[in-house]
Amino acid sequence: MLLIELKLNMMYLKYFKDFIILAIIVLSLISMKKNQTEIDNLRMQVANLKNNLYQTNEVIGNMQSHLAESK
């Protein structure tokens, strides 16, 4: 009787361990998806900043050329 209870407890522990491992994997995948989304957002922001910097440099170049012409 005691042996049957021990085997039953061991089976429950194995299932519990498998459930915990599965939960950790699922949570890790969710976290990875959130991180990937954040990385994509940051890449888009970097591209926008590059475009803004290019446009700012264009405006400054035009202002400097107009300033040089007016002297």
Protein backbone atom coordinates (compact mmCIF):
# COMPACT_ATOMS: atom_id res chain seq x y z
CA MET A 1 0.00 0.00 0.00
CA LEU A 2 2.81 2.37 0.94
CA LEU A 3 4.65 1.50 -2.25
CA ILE A 4 1.60 2.37 -4.36
CA GLU A 5 1.24 5.73 -2.59
CA LEU A 6 4.94 6.44 -3.11
CA LYS A 7 4.70 5.63 -6.83
CA LEU A 8 1.60 7.80 -7.11
CA ASN A 9 3.39 10.70 -5.39
CA MET A 10 6.39 10.27 -7.68
CA MET A 11 4.09 10.37 -10.71
CA TYR A 12 2.48 13.59 -9.46
CA LEU A 13 5.92 15.12 -8.87
CA LYS A 14 6.97 14.20 -12.41
CA TYR A 15 3.84 15.81 -13.88
CA PHE A 16 4.33 18.88 -11.68
CA LYS A 17 7.95 19.18 -12.84
CA ASP A 18 6.87 18.86 -16.49
CA PHE A 19 4.18 21.51 -15.96
CA ILE A 20 6.70 23.90 -14.40
CA ILE A 21 9.13 23.39 -17.29
CA LEU A 22 6.33 23.97 -19.80
CA ALA A 23 5.24 27.14 -17.99
CA ILE A 24 8.82 28.45 -18.00
CA ILE A 25 9.11 27.78 -21.74
CA VAL A 26 5.82 29.55 -22.48
CA LEU A 27 6.78 32.57 -20.35
CA SER A 28 10.18 32.72 -22.05
CA LEU A 29 8.57 32.68 -25.49
CA ILE A 30 6.19 35.49 -24.50
CA SER A 31 9.11 37.51 -23.18
CA MET A 32 11.10 36.89 -26.37
CA LYS A 33 8.17 38.09 -28.51
CA LYS A 34 7.89 41.29 -26.44
CA ASN A 35 11.63 41.86 -26.75
CA GLN A 36 11.49 41.33 -30.53
CA THR A 37 8.67 43.85 -30.82
CA GLU A 38 10.65 46.38 -28.77
CA ILE A 39 13.74 45.80 -30.92
CA ASP A 40 11.68 46.40 -34.08
CA ASN A 41 10.33 49.64 -32.59
CA LEU A 42 13.85 50.79 -31.71
CA ARG A 43 15.07 50.01 -35.24
CA MET A 44 12.25 52.10 -36.67
CA GLN A 45 13.13 54.97 -34.31
CA VAL A 46 16.78 54.79 -35.36
CA ALA A 47 15.79 54.96 -39.03
CA ASN A 48 13.57 57.99 -38.31
CA LEU A 49 16.39 59.68 -36.38
CA LYS A 50 18.77 59.12 -39.30
CA ASN A 51 16.27 60.69 -41.69
CA ASN A 52 15.74 63.64 -39.34
CA LEU A 53 19.49 64.14 -39.01
CA TYR A 54 19.91 64.06 -42.78
CA GLN A 55 17.14 66.63 -43.23
CA THR A 56 18.64 68.83 -40.50
CA ASN A 57 22.03 68.68 -42.19
CA GLU A 58 20.39 69.63 -45.50
CA VAL A 59 18.74 72.68 -43.91
CA ILE A 60 21.96 73.75 -42.21
CA GLY A 61 23.86 73.37 -45.49
CA ASN A 62 21.29 75.53 -47.28
CA MET A 63 21.42 78.16 -44.53
CA GLN A 64 25.22 78.26 -44.67
CA SER A 65 25.23 78.61 -48.45
CA HIS A 66 22.68 81.45 -48.28
CA LEU A 67 24.74 83.11 -45.56
CA ALA A 68 27.89 82.81 -47.69
CA GLU A 69 26.10 84.25 -50.72
CA SER A 70 24.79 87.22 -48.76
CA LYS A 71 28.25 88.27 -47.56
